[in-house]
Each structure stands twice: as structure tokens, then as C-alpha cells.
């Protein structure tokens, strides 16, 4: 049974109806999403050296110092391609853990918000803004945080926050919300934790039956980019939703994962994967040589459906520079600005 939806002229009008509140909240769950992959990294470097016949000269590789040593020596000894791959893997060894954490918390009174909005969160005397990652139909609130080296609050949330800790939230804020219910397909584009508000929207869409319009099913797309597999927030949840809903098409894009594992999916940037999954017969605007090339490329995601930009609305969120690229690609495909909602950070 579909969850009741409050009637408003539009979701944008509804933003003005929500009162700003300040609430105390208690943490109910903390999930560290990434994992320690150092053993995988050293094994991958050892395999790479063995494949190139270099293991005797440059091995063994057992820890961070070995990774740095091998990378430096390969560069000095004129093995640039191998050196680049080892350097990429070494970056993964050196980064702190955890880097990606989801937090759920409960307030004393329910907080009304719209899918896509964010709150101000105060913990240990420091305040930052975080998008809400769960549907407004739930009783709890959820955020997804990536550690920023030297950040004011994200390192504490990722490493120290525990169940039972108290927070203060203020909000909700933000106008990255769903457009009016229509027959158009929905295309969500994100990098990293930029997927948090889009996850809220996607869950709300399916829970409330907004993935249908007057009896016709709307396709819901999610293109999500990151470097490594465990940098993709909610990977398992999105894959589960894809199995459950035939009209949900999930396209994860991982730029660095192939150097570490047998990843066989998309490795291109999100905007390029968007073009690869677009039906070229629906595109009549001039794309330019670079984008035209991606439109001709075959997808590697395993998703057989193709999107029609003439019948789509777009939601994009992530780092500012990436959002600009995503929105530019959508506009070049012929999607008007009036059907593109976007929000950048950083």
C-alpha cells in the first residue's frame, strides 16, 4: 500500500510550509561502509609484478613501505605504466579508515522534511550541514559522511561517533526536491556522498508510488560514481532495489577498482556513462566530437534499458565541479534547464 502523500501545488511550494526546528537527537546506528583492503592491495601489487616478470627484482610486497618503495623504483627504472598502477594502489594503502560512514539518529519529536533536503548537525561543539539519506516516511533520520582530511567534523563522525551519542540538528533546509509528479522518467546523477539526497528521493518515489503516473510506469535511473567499490555509498541497497524493481536501473561507475579487483562494470565518469546509456535515436542536438564519441560507446553495466532525454528529468548532486559537468552533459543531450535540479558542495 502506498504511503500517503501530503497535497501541495509542488514540492518546491512545500519547502516554504516546513517550519525550521532545533531538536536534540540520539544516535541509534553507526555503519562504517568502507573496509580495510590493505591485504588486497599488497596481493594485487605482487600479482602485477609477477605478471610483468618483475617480482624477483622488486618484491616482496608486504606493507605500506614496500608499496612506496616499489612505486618509486619502478618510476626511476623506466616502467611508467606499472609505476602508475602501483602508485594508484599505494594511495589506497595510505588512506585512513574509516572513510565512509552512515549514521542514523532519532529525535524526540518527528522532523518533517522533503526528500532531498539537508539539516545542520552539531556534535562535539562543531556544526556542519549534511543531506538526509532516508525517506521522509521513516521515523528516524540518516546521514552519510565521507571523511575529509583535516575536516572540522567528518573525521570525528567517521571514527568516533557511537550509538547513544547525542547530537543537535537544525533544519530542514534546501530546495533540491522532486519536481511535480509527471509521466517523465527520472535520472539521478551523483558522485560519492552526493547520492545521499538522491537516495532519499528514490526511496520516497517507490514508497509513495510516484514511479507510476496514471497507470504507466516511469523508469528511475541512478548513475553513481566513485573511485573504489567500497567508496560507493549504499551499493548493496541499490543493487537489492534493482532486483526488486524492474524500472530501477542502477549504473555504478568505478574509476580505480579495476586495478584492485575483477570489476567488470563501468569505469568511466558518470556523465560519460549517462551518454553510453542514452538511446542515440532520441538525441537530435549537436553534442560535439567528444560527447558524440561516448554516445556511440557500448555500456559495460549490464543494464539493457536505454534512456530518452526528451522524456526525462534530471537530479544531480556531488562536488561542485562534477555537478557542473553532469548538468552540462544533460543539457547537451537536450534536457532543458527547467527539468534539471542540482546541488553542489565543496
Protein backbone atom coordinates (compact mmCIF):
# COMPACT_ATOMS: atom_id res chain seq x y z
CA UNK A 1 0.00 0.00 0.00
CA UNK A 2 1.40 3.38 -0.98
CA UNK A 3 2.32 5.80 1.80
CA UNK A 4 0.01 8.84 1.88
CA UNK A 5 1.49 11.95 0.31
CA UNK A 6 0.64 15.43 1.56
CA UNK A 7 -1.01 17.52 -1.09
CA UNK A 8 0.91 20.57 -2.31
CA UNK A 9 0.91 22.52 -5.51
CA UNK A 10 4.50 21.35 -5.90
CA UNK A 11 7.38 20.07 -3.80
CA UNK A 12 9.04 23.46 -4.19
CA UNK A 13 5.97 25.14 -2.70
CA UNK A 14 6.06 22.61 0.14
CA UNK A 15 9.53 23.78 1.19
CA UNK A 16 8.06 27.06 2.45
CA UNK A 17 5.49 25.20 4.56
CA UNK A 18 8.08 23.35 6.67
CA UNK A 19 8.96 25.08 9.95
CA UNK A 20 12.62 25.29 10.95
CA UNK A 21 13.24 23.39 14.18
CA UNK A 22 16.09 22.72 16.56
CA UNK A 23 15.99 19.22 18.02
CA UNK A 24 18.17 17.04 20.20
CA UNK A 25 18.82 13.63 18.68
CA UNK A 26 20.32 10.35 19.84
CA UNK A 27 22.40 8.10 17.59
CA UNK A 28 20.74 4.70 17.00
CA UNK A 29 23.10 3.15 14.45
CA UNK A 30 26.58 3.77 13.01
CA UNK A 31 27.77 1.81 9.96
CA UNK A 32 31.30 2.09 8.65
CA UNK A 33 30.87 1.38 4.94
CA UNK A 34 34.43 1.00 3.68
CA UNK A 35 36.80 -1.75 4.74
CA UNK A 36 40.49 -2.41 5.28
CA UNK A 37 41.72 -3.55 1.86
CA UNK A 38 45.45 -3.42 2.53
CA UNK A 39 45.90 -7.19 2.16
CA UNK A 40 44.08 -7.00 -1.19
CA UNK A 41 46.32 -4.13 -2.30
CA UNK A 42 49.61 -5.83 -1.49
CA UNK A 43 48.37 -9.03 -3.16
CA UNK A 44 47.38 -7.04 -6.28
CA UNK A 45 50.80 -5.39 -6.48
CA UNK A 46 52.50 -8.76 -6.09
CA UNK A 47 50.39 -10.22 -8.91
CA UNK A 48 51.16 -7.25 -11.14
CA UNK A 49 54.90 -7.62 -10.60
CA UNK A 50 54.69 -11.35 -11.20
CA UNK A 51 52.77 -10.86 -14.47
CA UNK A 52 55.49 -8.47 -15.68
CA UNK A 53 58.30 -10.75 -14.60
CA UNK A 54 59.45 -8.18 -12.04
CA UNK A 55 58.64 -9.91 -8.74
CA UNK A 56 62.19 -11.15 -8.08
CA UNK A 57 63.72 -7.72 -8.62
CA UNK A 58 61.10 -5.60 -6.82
CA UNK A 59 59.39 -7.94 -4.37
CA UNK A 60 58.30 -8.90 -1.82
CA UNK A 61 55.41 -6.50 -1.11
CA UNK A 62 54.02 -6.85 2.40
CA UNK A 63 53.14 -3.39 3.68
CA UNK A 64 52.88 0.34 3.04
CA UNK A 65 56.63 0.95 2.99
CA UNK A 66 57.09 -1.80 0.41
CA UNK A 67 54.37 -0.25 -1.77
CA UNK A 68 56.06 3.15 -1.66
CA UNK A 69 59.47 1.61 -2.35
CA UNK A 70 58.24 -0.36 -5.36
CA UNK A 71 56.37 2.60 -6.83
CA UNK A 72 59.42 4.86 -6.54
CA UNK A 73 61.82 2.31 -8.01
CA UNK A 74 59.56 1.45 -10.94
CA UNK A 75 59.30 5.12 -11.87
CA UNK A 76 63.07 5.54 -11.64
CA UNK A 77 63.76 2.38 -13.65
CA UNK A 78 61.54 3.42 -16.58
CA UNK A 79 58.47 1.24 -16.04
CA UNK A 80 55.94 4.12 -16.22
CA UNK A 81 52.78 2.06 -16.82
CA UNK A 82 53.50 -0.36 -13.97
CA UNK A 83 54.60 2.53 -11.74
CA UNK A 84 51.29 4.33 -12.30
CA UNK A 85 49.26 1.29 -11.34
CA UNK A 86 51.33 0.66 -8.23
CA UNK A 87 51.06 4.34 -7.27
CA UNK A 88 47.27 4.15 -7.56
CA UNK A 89 47.17 1.09 -5.33
CA UNK A 90 49.58 2.70 -2.86
CA UNK A 91 47.15 5.60 -2.39
CA UNK A 92 44.57 3.10 -1.19
CA UNK A 93 47.02 1.64 1.34
CA UNK A 94 47.87 5.03 2.82
CA UNK A 95 44.40 6.42 3.38
CA UNK A 96 42.85 6.39 6.88
CA UNK A 97 39.94 4.17 7.84
CA UNK A 98 37.04 4.50 8.11
CA UNK A 99 36.45 6.93 5.25
CA UNK A 100 32.71 6.43 4.74
CA UNK A 101 30.10 6.20 7.49
CA UNK A 102 26.32 6.25 7.68
CA UNK A 103 24.62 7.44 10.86
CA UNK A 104 21.00 7.05 11.92
CA UNK A 105 19.52 9.05 14.78
CA UNK A 106 16.15 9.69 16.37
CA UNK A 107 14.69 12.95 17.64
CA UNK A 108 12.20 13.30 20.49
CA UNK A 109 9.57 14.63 18.08
CA UNK A 110 9.23 13.80 14.39
CA UNK A 111 11.05 16.09 11.97
CA UNK A 112 9.15 16.87 8.77
CA UNK A 113 11.38 17.20 5.71
CA UNK A 114 11.17 16.72 1.98
CA UNK A 115 13.19 14.12 0.12
CA UNK A 116 16.43 15.81 -0.96
CA UNK A 117 16.75 18.30 1.91
CA UNK A 118 19.56 18.65 4.45
CA UNK A 119 19.98 19.57 8.11
CA UNK A 120 22.56 21.38 10.17
CA UNK A 121 24.16 18.91 12.58
CA UNK A 122 26.06 19.88 15.72
CA UNK A 123 28.33 17.39 17.51
CA UNK A 124 31.12 17.95 20.00
CA UNK A 125 30.78 21.72 19.61
CA UNK A 126 31.08 21.75 15.81
CA UNK A 127 28.31 22.25 13.24
CA UNK A 128 28.16 21.11 9.60
CA UNK A 129 25.44 20.57 7.01
CA UNK A 130 24.55 17.04 5.86
CA UNK A 131 21.93 15.80 3.43
CA UNK A 132 19.35 13.38 4.74
CA UNK A 133 19.73 10.00 3.07
CA UNK A 134 16.49 8.28 4.05
CA UNK A 135 12.86 8.69 3.03
CA UNK A 136 10.70 11.26 4.83
CA UNK A 137 8.26 8.43 5.55
CA UNK A 138 10.62 6.99 8.21
CA UNK A 139 10.68 7.87 11.91
CA UNK A 140 14.47 8.20 12.09
CA UNK A 141 16.92 10.39 10.20
CA UNK A 142 20.04 9.23 8.36
CA UNK A 143 23.15 10.93 7.01
CA UNK A 144 26.11 9.64 5.02
CA UNK A 145 29.52 11.17 5.76
CA UNK A 146 32.86 10.88 3.97
CA UNK A 147 35.96 11.75 5.98
CA UNK A 148 37.63 14.93 4.76
CA UNK A 149 41.31 15.01 5.81
CA UNK A 150 41.65 17.92 8.19
CA UNK A 151 37.87 18.41 8.18
CA UNK A 152 36.11 20.16 11.04
CA UNK A 153 33.67 17.37 11.84
CA UNK A 154 33.76 14.46 9.38
CA UNK A 155 36.81 12.71 10.97
CA UNK A 156 35.05 12.62 14.35
CA UNK A 157 31.82 11.30 12.84
CA UNK A 158 33.60 8.61 10.83
CA UNK A 159 35.92 7.43 13.60
CA UNK A 160 34.42 8.34 16.97
CA UNK A 161 30.64 8.65 16.83
CA UNK A 162 28.85 5.80 18.63
CA UNK A 163 25.33 4.58 19.35
CA UNK A 164 23.86 6.58 22.21
CA UNK A 165 25.76 9.79 21.46
CA UNK A 166 23.71 12.98 21.41
CA UNK A 167 23.54 15.44 18.52
CA UNK A 168 21.68 18.64 17.81
CA UNK A 169 20.03 19.20 14.45
CA UNK A 170 18.63 22.33 12.88
CA UNK A 171 16.50 22.48 9.75
CA UNK A 172 15.41 21.26 7.34
CA UNK A 173 16.98 23.33 4.57
CA UNK A 174 17.43 23.07 0.83
CA UNK A 175 15.47 23.16 -2.41
CA UNK A 176 16.88 20.09 -4.16
CA UNK A 177 13.49 18.37 -4.18
CA UNK A 178 11.41 16.33 -6.57
CA UNK A 179 9.67 18.02 -9.45
CA UNK A 180 5.93 17.79 -9.92
CA UNK A 181 4.60 14.28 -10.45
CA UNK A 182 4.69 13.66 -14.20
CA UNK A 183 4.99 10.86 -16.78
CA UNK A 184 8.68 11.66 -17.33
CA UNK A 185 11.44 9.23 -16.39
CA UNK A 186 13.76 10.24 -13.54
CA UNK A 187 17.54 10.31 -13.95
CA UNK A 188 19.65 10.67 -10.79
CA UNK A 189 23.36 11.53 -11.18
CA UNK A 190 25.80 11.57 -8.27
CA UNK A 191 29.35 11.13 -7.11
CA UNK A 192 30.24 9.83 -3.65
CA UNK A 193 28.10 11.05 -0.77
CA UNK A 194 26.27 13.31 -3.21
CA UNK A 195 23.97 10.31 -3.56
CA UNK A 196 22.54 10.84 -0.06
CA UNK A 197 19.70 13.25 -1.01
CA UNK A 198 19.07 11.24 -4.18
CA UNK A 199 18.71 8.03 -2.15
CA UNK A 200 16.10 9.85 -0.07
CA UNK A 201 14.25 10.80 -3.25
CA UNK A 202 14.47 7.35 -4.82
CA UNK A 203 13.19 5.59 -1.71
CA UNK A 204 10.35 8.11 -1.40
CA UNK A 205 9.43 7.71 -5.07
CA UNK A 206 8.99 3.94 -4.75
CA UNK A 207 7.37 4.03 -1.30
CA UNK A 208 4.71 6.51 -2.41
CA UNK A 209 4.03 5.10 -5.88
CA UNK A 210 5.46 8.09 -7.69
CA UNK A 211 7.28 5.73 -10.02
CA UNK A 212 3.93 5.41 -11.82
CA UNK A 213 1.82 8.07 -13.48
CA UNK A 214 -1.76 7.39 -14.48
CA UNK A 215 -1.05 3.68 -14.62
CA UNK A 216 2.17 3.91 -16.64
CA UNK A 217 5.49 3.01 -15.09
CA UNK A 218 8.30 5.58 -15.01
CA UNK A 219 11.90 4.48 -15.39
CA UNK A 220 14.13 5.53 -12.49
CA UNK A 221 17.87 5.72 -13.23
CA UNK A 222 20.79 6.13 -10.83
CA UNK A 223 24.32 6.78 -12.11
CA UNK A 224 26.72 6.78 -9.15
CA UNK A 225 30.45 7.36 -9.40
CA UNK A 226 33.39 6.76 -7.05
CA UNK A 227 36.96 5.51 -7.13
CA UNK A 228 36.70 2.16 -5.32
CA UNK A 229 33.88 -0.35 -4.81
CA UNK A 230 33.56 0.39 -1.09
CA UNK A 231 33.52 4.13 -1.79
CA UNK A 232 30.04 3.69 -3.28
CA UNK A 233 27.53 4.51 -0.53
CA UNK A 234 24.65 2.04 -0.22
CA UNK A 235 25.92 -0.21 -3.00
CA UNK A 236 24.15 -3.31 -1.66
CA UNK A 237 20.90 -1.41 -1.05
CA UNK A 238 20.79 -0.08 -4.61
CA UNK A 239 21.57 -3.49 -6.06
CA UNK A 240 18.79 -5.00 -3.96
CA UNK A 241 16.36 -2.35 -5.17
CA UNK A 242 17.38 -3.08 -8.77
CA UNK A 243 16.49 -6.74 -8.25
CA UNK A 244 13.14 -5.82 -6.73
CA UNK A 245 12.07 -3.11 -9.20
CA UNK A 246 12.24 -3.71 -12.95
CA UNK A 247 12.02 0.02 -13.63
CA UNK A 248 15.03 0.91 -11.44
CA UNK A 249 18.28 0.96 -13.38
CA UNK A 250 21.47 1.25 -11.32
CA UNK A 251 24.76 2.12 -13.03
CA UNK A 252 27.74 2.22 -10.63
CA UNK A 253 30.89 3.78 -12.13
CA UNK A 254 34.26 2.94 -10.54
CA UNK A 255 37.36 4.63 -11.91
CA UNK A 256 40.07 2.80 -9.92
CA UNK A 257 38.55 -0.51 -8.85
CA UNK A 258 39.84 -2.50 -11.88
CA UNK A 259 43.44 -2.16 -10.67
CA UNK A 260 42.46 -3.97 -7.47
CA UNK A 261 39.71 -6.44 -8.33
CA UNK A 262 37.90 -8.13 -11.21
CA UNK A 263 35.41 -5.26 -11.54
CA UNK A 264 33.74 -5.56 -14.94
CA UNK A 265 31.25 -2.68 -14.80
CA UNK A 266 31.52 0.95 -15.83
CA UNK A 267 34.84 2.68 -15.20
CA UNK A 268 34.08 5.99 -16.95
CA UNK A 269 32.91 9.23 -15.41
CA UNK A 270 29.20 9.47 -14.58
CA UNK A 271 28.46 11.94 -17.39
CA UNK A 272 30.07 9.59 -19.91
CA UNK A 273 28.13 6.59 -18.59
CA UNK A 274 24.98 8.69 -18.95
CA UNK A 275 25.71 9.18 -22.64
CA UNK A 276 26.53 5.49 -23.16
CA UNK A 277 23.10 4.53 -21.76
CA UNK A 278 21.18 7.06 -23.85
CA UNK A 279 19.21 5.92 -26.90
CA UNK A 280 21.06 7.74 -29.72
CA UNK A 281 17.91 7.84 -31.88
CA UNK A 282 16.34 10.24 -29.35
CA UNK A 283 19.22 12.77 -29.49
CA UNK A 284 19.00 15.42 -32.17
CA UNK A 285 21.07 18.20 -30.60
CA UNK A 286 24.69 18.70 -31.64
CA UNK A 287 26.94 17.16 -28.98
CA UNK A 288 30.38 17.94 -30.26
CA UNK A 289 33.03 15.36 -31.09
CA UNK A 290 33.95 14.41 -27.51
CA UNK A 291 30.40 13.72 -26.26
CA UNK A 292 29.39 12.16 -29.58
CA UNK A 293 32.08 9.53 -29.04
CA UNK A 294 30.56 8.49 -25.71
CA UNK A 295 27.09 8.28 -27.24
CA UNK A 296 28.46 5.63 -29.63
CA UNK A 297 30.19 3.62 -26.88
CA UNK A 298 28.64 0.36 -25.64
CA UNK A 299 27.72 0.23 -21.93
CA UNK A 300 29.53 -2.16 -19.60
CA UNK A 301 26.94 -2.10 -16.82
CA UNK A 302 24.77 -4.97 -17.97
CA UNK A 303 21.74 -2.67 -17.99
CA UNK A 304 19.82 -3.25 -21.21
CA UNK A 305 17.40 -0.32 -20.93
CA UNK A 306 18.19 3.00 -22.63
CA UNK A 307 17.03 6.42 -21.54
CA UNK A 308 15.25 9.03 -23.62
CA UNK A 309 16.36 12.58 -22.73
CA UNK A 310 13.26 14.05 -24.37
CA UNK A 311 11.17 12.30 -21.70
CA UNK A 312 13.45 12.71 -18.67
CA UNK A 313 14.00 14.94 -15.67
CA UNK A 314 17.43 15.06 -14.01
CA UNK A 315 18.68 15.38 -10.43
CA UNK A 316 22.42 15.85 -9.86
CA UNK A 317 24.46 16.15 -6.67
CA UNK A 318 28.13 15.96 -5.72
CA UNK A 319 31.32 18.02 -5.76
CA UNK A 320 30.71 21.37 -7.48
CA UNK A 321 32.99 20.78 -10.45
CA UNK A 322 31.50 17.35 -11.11
CA UNK A 323 27.93 18.60 -10.84
CA UNK A 324 28.76 21.25 -13.43
CA UNK A 325 29.96 18.51 -15.79
CA UNK A 326 26.88 16.38 -15.12
CA UNK A 327 24.47 19.24 -15.75
CA UNK A 328 26.36 20.28 -18.89
CA UNK A 329 26.10 16.75 -20.30
CA UNK A 330 22.36 16.63 -19.52
CA UNK A 331 21.78 19.98 -21.22
CA UNK A 332 23.78 18.92 -24.27
CA UNK A 333 21.52 15.88 -24.58
CA UNK A 334 18.60 18.28 -24.94
CA UNK A 335 17.17 18.26 -21.42
CA UNK A 336 16.00 21.82 -20.65
CA UNK A 337 17.20 23.62 -17.53
CA UNK A 338 13.64 23.64 -16.19
CA UNK A 339 13.84 19.85 -15.85
CA UNK A 340 17.23 19.76 -14.12
CA UNK A 341 17.61 20.05 -10.33
CA UNK A 342 21.17 20.18 -8.99
CA UNK A 343 23.16 20.87 -5.85
CA UNK A 344 26.92 21.03 -5.39
CA UNK A 345 29.20 21.16 -2.38
CA UNK A 346 32.91 21.52 -1.65
